[in-house]
Amino acid sequence: MSMDRLLRLTSGVMLLLVFFFGLMGTNVGLFWKAFVVFMALNQIQSAFTGWCPVISLYRKFGVKECPC
């Protein structure tokens, strides 16, 4: 799987996870709310800078940049 697809998969899975924790009731912890805000801010900054911490992690794991 290419870096781009894996990054999108990671983002989607994490957002779904936080969404399902939100469905569990009004007793959602502050951590999960802060996590959604962190993800949103990270995606916005990566749109402008081209850098994402998850990409750095995936590079260390040897994920290829393109499906070449």
PDB file of N, CA and C in Angstrom:
ATOM      1  N   MET A   1       0.848  -1.173   0.000  1.00  0.00           N
ATOM      2  CA  MET A   1       0.000   0.000   0.000  1.00  0.00           C
ATOM      3  C   MET A   1       0.891   1.232   0.000  1.00  0.00           C
ATOM      4  N   SER A   2       0.525   2.223  -0.776  1.00  0.00           N
ATOM      5  CA  SER A   2       1.342   3.434  -0.868  1.00  0.00           C
ATOM      6  C   SER A   2       1.141   4.324   0.358  1.00  0.00           C
ATOM      7  N   MET A   3       2.070   5.252   0.540  1.00  0.00           N
ATOM      8  CA  MET A   3       2.035   6.171   1.673  1.00  0.00           C
ATOM      9  C   MET A   3       0.739   6.972   1.694  1.00  0.00           C
ATOM     10  N   ASP A   4       0.330   7.469   0.529  1.00  0.00           N
ATOM     11  CA  ASP A   4      -0.870   8.299   0.438  1.00  0.00           C
ATOM     12  C   ASP A   4      -2.108   7.517   0.890  1.00  0.00           C
ATOM     13  N   ARG A   5      -2.255   6.320   0.404  1.00  0.00           N
ATOM     14  CA  ARG A   5      -3.425   5.517   0.760  1.00  0.00           C
ATOM     15  C   ARG A   5      -3.399   5.099   2.226  1.00  0.00           C
ATOM     16  N   LEU A   6      -2.230   4.748   2.721  1.00  0.00           N
ATOM     17  CA  LEU A   6      -2.114   4.352   4.122  1.00  0.00           C
ATOM     18  C   LEU A   6      -2.408   5.523   5.048  1.00  0.00           C
ATOM     19  N   LEU A   7      -1.968   6.718   4.671  1.00  0.00           N
ATOM     20  CA  LEU A   7      -2.244   7.903   5.474  1.00  0.00           C
ATOM     21  C   LEU A   7      -3.742   8.201   5.507  1.00  0.00           C
ATOM     22  N   ARG A   8      -4.400   8.083   4.372  1.00  0.00           N
ATOM     23  CA  ARG A   8      -5.854   8.299   4.327  1.00  0.00           C
ATOM     24  C   ARG A   8      -6.585   7.243   5.141  1.00  0.00           C
ATOM     25  N   LEU A   9      -6.127   6.005   5.063  1.00  0.00           N
ATOM     26  CA  LEU A   9      -6.736   4.928   5.834  1.00  0.00           C
ATOM     27  C   LEU A   9      -6.589   5.188   7.330  1.00  0.00           C
ATOM     28  N   THR A  10      -5.417   5.592   7.750  1.00  0.00           N
ATOM     29  CA  THR A  10      -5.175   5.880   9.165  1.00  0.00           C
ATOM     30  C   THR A  10      -6.079   7.005   9.652  1.00  0.00           C
ATOM     31  N   SER A  11      -6.176   8.058   8.877  1.00  0.00           N
ATOM     32  CA  SER A  11      -7.013   9.194   9.253  1.00  0.00           C
ATOM     33  C   SER A  11      -8.484   8.779   9.353  1.00  0.00           C
ATOM     34  N   GLY A  12      -8.956   8.035   8.385  1.00  0.00           N
ATOM     35  CA  GLY A  12     -10.353   7.597   8.399  1.00  0.00           C
ATOM     36  C   GLY A  12     -10.666   6.673   9.557  1.00  0.00           C
ATOM     37  N   VAL A  13      -9.769   5.743   9.840  1.00  0.00           N
ATOM     38  CA  VAL A  13      -9.987   4.813  10.955  1.00  0.00           C
ATOM     39  C   VAL A  13     -10.016   5.558  12.285  1.00  0.00           C
ATOM     40  N   MET A  14      -9.100   6.490  12.464  1.00  0.00           N
ATOM     41  CA  MET A  14      -9.056   7.236  13.721  1.00  0.00           C
ATOM     42  C   MET A  14     -10.297   8.112  13.892  1.00  0.00           C
ATOM     43  N   LEU A  15     -10.741   8.736  12.822  1.00  0.00           N
ATOM     44  CA  LEU A  15     -11.952   9.549  12.923  1.00  0.00           C
ATOM     45  C   LEU A  15     -13.175   8.697  13.228  1.00  0.00           C
ATOM     46  N   LEU A  16     -13.278   7.533  12.613  1.00  0.00           N
ATOM     47  CA  LEU A  16     -14.389   6.629  12.930  1.00  0.00           C
ATOM     48  C   LEU A  16     -14.342   6.151  14.371  1.00  0.00           C
ATOM     49  N   LEU A  17     -13.149   5.855  14.857  1.00  0.00           N
ATOM     50  CA  LEU A  17     -12.984   5.421  16.233  1.00  0.00           C
ATOM     51  C   LEU A  17     -13.481   6.489  17.203  1.00  0.00           C
ATOM     52  N   VAL A  18     -13.065   7.722  16.978  1.00  0.00           N
ATOM     53  CA  VAL A  18     -13.489   8.814  17.849  1.00  0.00           C
ATOM     54  C   VAL A  18     -14.994   9.053  17.708  1.00  0.00           C
ATOM     55  N   PHE A  19     -15.518   8.928  16.500  1.00  0.00           N
ATOM     56  CA  PHE A  19     -16.960   9.086  16.284  1.00  0.00           C
ATOM     57  C   PHE A  19     -17.744   8.048  17.085  1.00  0.00           C
ATOM     58  N   PHE A  20     -17.307   6.803  17.057  1.00  0.00           N
ATOM     59  CA  PHE A  20     -18.016   5.752  17.792  1.00  0.00           C
ATOM     60  C   PHE A  20     -17.916   5.952  19.300  1.00  0.00           C
ATOM     61  N   PHE A  21     -16.787   6.480  19.782  1.00  0.00           N
ATOM     62  CA  PHE A  21     -16.703   6.822  21.201  1.00  0.00           C
ATOM     63  C   PHE A  21     -17.698   7.938  21.535  1.00  0.00           C
ATOM     64  N   GLY A  22     -17.911   8.852  20.599  1.00  0.00           N
ATOM     65  CA  GLY A  22     -18.890   9.920  20.803  1.00  0.00           C
ATOM     66  C   GLY A  22     -20.313   9.411  20.858  1.00  0.00           C
ATOM     67  N   LEU A  23     -20.595   8.337  20.137  1.00  0.00           N
ATOM     68  CA  LEU A  23     -21.940   7.752  20.158  1.00  0.00           C
ATOM     69  C   LEU A  23     -22.246   7.027  21.463  1.00  0.00           C
ATOM     70  N   MET A  24     -21.241   6.727  22.231  1.00  0.00           N
ATOM     71  CA  MET A  24     -21.434   5.960  23.451  1.00  0.00           C
ATOM     72  C   MET A  24     -22.173   6.738  24.524  1.00  0.00           C
ATOM     73  N   GLY A  25     -22.378   8.005  24.333  1.00  0.00           N
ATOM     74  CA  GLY A  25     -23.119   8.802  25.308  1.00  0.00           C
ATOM     75  C   GLY A  25     -22.487  10.155  25.523  1.00  0.00           C
ATOM     76  N   THR A  26     -23.065  10.885  26.433  1.00  0.00           N
ATOM     77  CA  THR A  26     -22.567  12.232  26.703  1.00  0.00           C
ATOM     78  C   THR A  26     -21.350  12.218  27.612  1.00  0.00           C
ATOM     79  N   ASN A  27     -20.990  11.065  28.104  1.00  0.00           N
ATOM     80  CA  ASN A  27     -19.861  10.958  29.010  1.00  0.00           C
ATOM     81  C   ASN A  27     -18.557  10.702  28.243  1.00  0.00           C
ATOM     82  N   VAL A  28     -18.368  11.426  27.152  1.00  0.00           N
ATOM     83  CA  VAL A  28     -17.158  11.290  26.342  1.00  0.00           C
ATOM     84  C   VAL A  28     -16.044  12.088  27.002  1.00  0.00           C
ATOM     85  N   GLY A  29     -14.909  11.443  27.150  1.00  0.00           N
ATOM     86  CA  GLY A  29     -13.795  12.090  27.826  1.00  0.00           C
ATOM     87  C   GLY A  29     -13.217  13.247  27.025  1.00  0.00           C
ATOM     88  N   LEU A  30     -12.587  14.152  27.729  1.00  0.00           N
ATOM     89  CA  LEU A  30     -11.960  15.314  27.104  1.00  0.00           C
ATOM     90  C   LEU A  30     -10.847  14.882  26.151  1.00  0.00           C
ATOM     91  N   PHE A  31     -10.186  13.767  26.445  1.00  0.00           N
ATOM     92  CA  PHE A  31      -9.106  13.276  25.583  1.00  0.00           C
ATOM     93  C   PHE A  31      -9.595  13.073  24.157  1.00  0.00           C
ATOM     94  N   TRP A  32     -10.753  12.446  23.982  1.00  0.00           N
ATOM     95  CA  TRP A  32     -11.247  12.133  22.635  1.00  0.00           C
ATOM     96  C   TRP A  32     -11.657  13.395  21.886  1.00  0.00           C
ATOM     97  N   LYS A  33     -12.208  14.364  22.600  1.00  0.00           N
ATOM     98  CA  LYS A  33     -12.547  15.639  21.968  1.00  0.00           C
ATOM     99  C   LYS A  33     -11.274  16.374  21.545  1.00  0.00           C
ATOM    100  N   ALA A  34     -10.282  16.373  22.396  1.00  0.00           N
ATOM    101  CA  ALA A  34      -9.009  17.019  22.074  1.00  0.00           C
ATOM    102  C   ALA A  34      -8.310  16.291  20.925  1.00  0.00           C
ATOM    103  N   PHE A  35      -8.475  14.978  20.863  1.00  0.00           N
ATOM    104  CA  PHE A  35      -7.858  14.189  19.804  1.00  0.00           C
ATOM    105  C   PHE A  35      -8.413  14.575  18.433  1.00  0.00           C
ATOM    106  N   VAL A  36      -9.725  14.800  18.354  1.00  0.00           N
ATOM    107  CA  VAL A  36     -10.337  15.223  17.090  1.00  0.00           C
ATOM    108  C   VAL A  36      -9.813  16.595  16.689  1.00  0.00           C
ATOM    109  N   VAL A  37      -9.700  17.502  17.642  1.00  0.00           N
ATOM    110  CA  VAL A  37      -9.171  18.834  17.353  1.00  0.00           C
ATOM    111  C   VAL A  37      -7.723  18.735  16.882  1.00  0.00           C
ATOM    112  N   PHE A  38      -6.918  17.897  17.535  1.00  0.00           N
ATOM    113  CA  PHE A  38      -5.534  17.703  17.120  1.00  0.00           C
ATOM    114  C   PHE A  38      -5.459  17.169  15.699  1.00  0.00           C
ATOM    115  N   MET A  39      -6.287  16.189  15.370  1.00  0.00           N
ATOM    116  CA  MET A  39      -6.273  15.628  14.016  1.00  0.00           C
ATOM    117  C   MET A  39      -6.637  16.686  12.984  1.00  0.00           C
ATOM    118  N   ALA A  40      -7.647  17.482  13.280  1.00  0.00           N
ATOM    119  CA  ALA A  40      -8.074  18.524  12.343  1.00  0.00           C
ATOM    120  C   ALA A  40      -6.964  19.557  12.136  1.00  0.00           C
ATOM    121  N   LEU A  41      -6.370  20.015  13.224  1.00  0.00           N
ATOM    122  CA  LEU A  41      -5.294  21.008  13.110  1.00  0.00           C
ATOM    123  C   LEU A  41      -4.084  20.428  12.391  1.00  0.00           C
ATOM    124  N   ASN A  42      -3.787  19.174  12.634  1.00  0.00           N
ATOM    125  CA  ASN A  42      -2.660  18.528  11.969  1.00  0.00           C
ATOM    126  C   ASN A  42      -2.903  18.424  10.466  1.00  0.00           C
ATOM    127  N   GLN A  43      -4.121  18.086  10.061  1.00  0.00           N
ATOM    128  CA  GLN A  43      -4.420  17.992   8.635  1.00  0.00           C
ATOM    129  C   GLN A  43      -4.367  19.350   7.966  1.00  0.00           C
ATOM    130  N   ILE A  44      -4.798  20.390   8.665  1.00  0.00           N
ATOM    131  CA  ILE A  44      -4.741  21.744   8.106  1.00  0.00           C
ATOM    132  C   ILE A  44      -3.286  22.185   7.938  1.00  0.00           C
ATOM    133  N   GLN A  45      -2.473  21.975   8.963  1.00  0.00           N
ATOM    134  CA  GLN A  45      -1.076  22.405   8.849  1.00  0.00           C
ATOM    135  C   GLN A  45      -0.337  21.591   7.804  1.00  0.00           C
ATOM    136  N   SER A  46      -0.658  20.317   7.656  1.00  0.00           N
ATOM    137  CA  SER A  46       0.046  19.516   6.656  1.00  0.00           C
ATOM    138  C   SER A  46      -0.353  19.911   5.234  1.00  0.00           C
ATOM    139  N   ALA A  47      -1.545  20.480   5.084  1.00  0.00           N
ATOM    140  CA  ALA A  47      -1.951  20.972   3.765  1.00  0.00           C
ATOM    141  C   ALA A  47      -1.075  22.150   3.339  1.00  0.00           C
ATOM    142  N   PHE A  48      -0.629  22.949   4.303  1.00  0.00           N
ATOM    143  CA  PHE A  48       0.194  24.114   3.987  1.00  0.00           C
ATOM    144  C   PHE A  48       1.688  23.802   3.980  1.00  0.00           C
ATOM    145  N   THR A  49       2.132  22.916   4.884  1.00  0.00           N
ATOM    146  CA  THR A  49       3.562  22.663   5.014  1.00  0.00           C
ATOM    147  C   THR A  49       4.023  21.414   4.280  1.00  0.00           C
ATOM    148  N   GLY A  50       3.112  20.486   4.028  1.00  0.00           N
ATOM    149  CA  GLY A  50       3.481  19.237   3.381  1.00  0.00           C
ATOM    150  C   GLY A  50       4.125  18.228   4.329  1.00  0.00           C
ATOM    151  N   TRP A  51       4.127  18.510   5.626  1.00  0.00           N
ATOM    152  CA  TRP A  51       4.722  17.616   6.609  1.00  0.00           C
ATOM    153  C   TRP A  51       3.656  17.078   7.559  1.00  0.00           C
ATOM    154  N   CYS A  52       3.717  15.788   7.816  1.00  0.00           N
ATOM    155  CA  CYS A  52       2.790  15.146   8.734  1.00  0.00           C
ATOM    156  C   CYS A  52       3.587  14.186   9.612  1.00  0.00           C
ATOM    157  N   PRO A  53       3.377  14.193  10.926  1.00  0.00           N
ATOM    158  CA  PRO A  53       4.125  13.302  11.808  1.00  0.00           C
ATOM    159  C   PRO A  53       3.924  11.819  11.482  1.00  0.00           C
ATOM    160  N   VAL A  54       2.748  11.457  11.027  1.00  0.00           N
ATOM    161  CA  VAL A  54       2.479  10.053  10.707  1.00  0.00           C
ATOM    162  C   VAL A  54       3.317   9.601   9.507  1.00  0.00           C
ATOM    163  N   ILE A  55       3.533  10.490   8.549  1.00  0.00           N
ATOM    164  CA  ILE A  55       4.367  10.140   7.396  1.00  0.00           C
ATOM    165  C   ILE A  55       5.792   9.841   7.853  1.00  0.00           C
ATOM    166  N   SER A  56       6.306  10.637   8.793  1.00  0.00           N
ATOM    167  CA  SER A  56       7.647  10.369   9.329  1.00  0.00           C
ATOM    168  C   SER A  56       7.703   8.988   9.976  1.00  0.00           C
ATOM    169  N   LEU A  57       6.664   8.625  10.683  1.00  0.00           N
ATOM    170  CA  LEU A  57       6.597   7.313  11.320  1.00  0.00           C
ATOM    171  C   LEU A  57       6.537   6.198  10.279  1.00  0.00           C
ATOM    172  N   TYR A  58       5.718   6.377   9.258  1.00  0.00           N
ATOM    173  CA  TYR A  58       5.596   5.363   8.210  1.00  0.00           C
ATOM    174  C   TYR A  58       6.898   5.201   7.426  1.00  0.00           C
ATOM    175  N   ARG A  59       7.633   6.280   7.239  1.00  0.00           N
ATOM    176  CA  ARG A  59       8.939   6.186   6.555  1.00  0.00           C
ATOM    177  C   ARG A  59       9.904   5.324   7.349  1.00  0.00           C
ATOM    178  N   LYS A  60       9.857   5.459   8.673  1.00  0.00           N
ATOM    179  CA  LYS A  60      10.720   4.635   9.515  1.00  0.00           C
ATOM    180  C   LYS A  60      10.344   3.162   9.421  1.00  0.00           C
ATOM    181  N   PHE A  61       9.064   2.889   9.186  1.00  0.00           N
ATOM    182  CA  PHE A  61       8.594   1.508   9.024  1.00  0.00           C
ATOM    183  C   PHE A  61       8.833   0.974   7.620  1.00  0.00           C
ATOM    184  N   GLY A  62       9.313   1.837   6.705  1.00  0.00           N
ATOM    185  CA  GLY A  62       9.661   1.394   5.369  1.00  0.00           C
ATOM    186  C   GLY A  62       8.517   1.408   4.361  1.00  0.00           C
ATOM    187  N   VAL A  63       7.488   2.191   4.612  1.00  0.00           N
ATOM    188  CA  VAL A  63       6.382   2.312   3.662  1.00  0.00           C
ATOM    189  C   VAL A  63       6.858   3.110   2.459  1.00  0.00           C
ATOM    190  N   LYS A  64       6.535   2.632   1.263  1.00  0.00           N
ATOM    191  CA  LYS A  64       6.987   3.287   0.033  1.00  0.00           C
ATOM    192  C   LYS A  64       6.156   4.549  -0.226  1.00  0.00           C
ATOM    193  N   GLU A  65       6.836   5.543  -0.800  1.00  0.00           N
ATOM    194  CA  GLU A  65       6.185   6.817  -1.094  1.00  0.00           C
ATOM    195  C   GLU A  65       5.192   6.715  -2.254  1.00  0.00           C
ATOM    196  N   CYS A  66       5.491   5.899  -3.237  1.00  0.00           N
ATOM    197  CA  CYS A  66       4.600   5.776  -4.392  1.00  0.00           C
ATOM    198  C   CYS A  66       4.386   4.295  -4.690  1.00  0.00           C
ATOM    199  N   PRO A  67       3.344   3.971  -5.444  1.00  0.00           N
ATOM    200  CA  PRO A  67       3.089   2.556  -5.760  1.00  0.00           C
ATOM    201  C   PRO A  67       3.975   2.031  -6.880  1.00  0.00           C
ATOM    202  N   CYS A  68       5.155   2.577  -7.049  1.00  0.00           N
ATOM    203  CA  CYS A  68       6.073   2.185  -8.122  1.00  0.00           C
ATOM    204  C   CYS A  68       6.603   0.763  -7.954  1.00  0.00           C
TER     205      CYS A  68
END
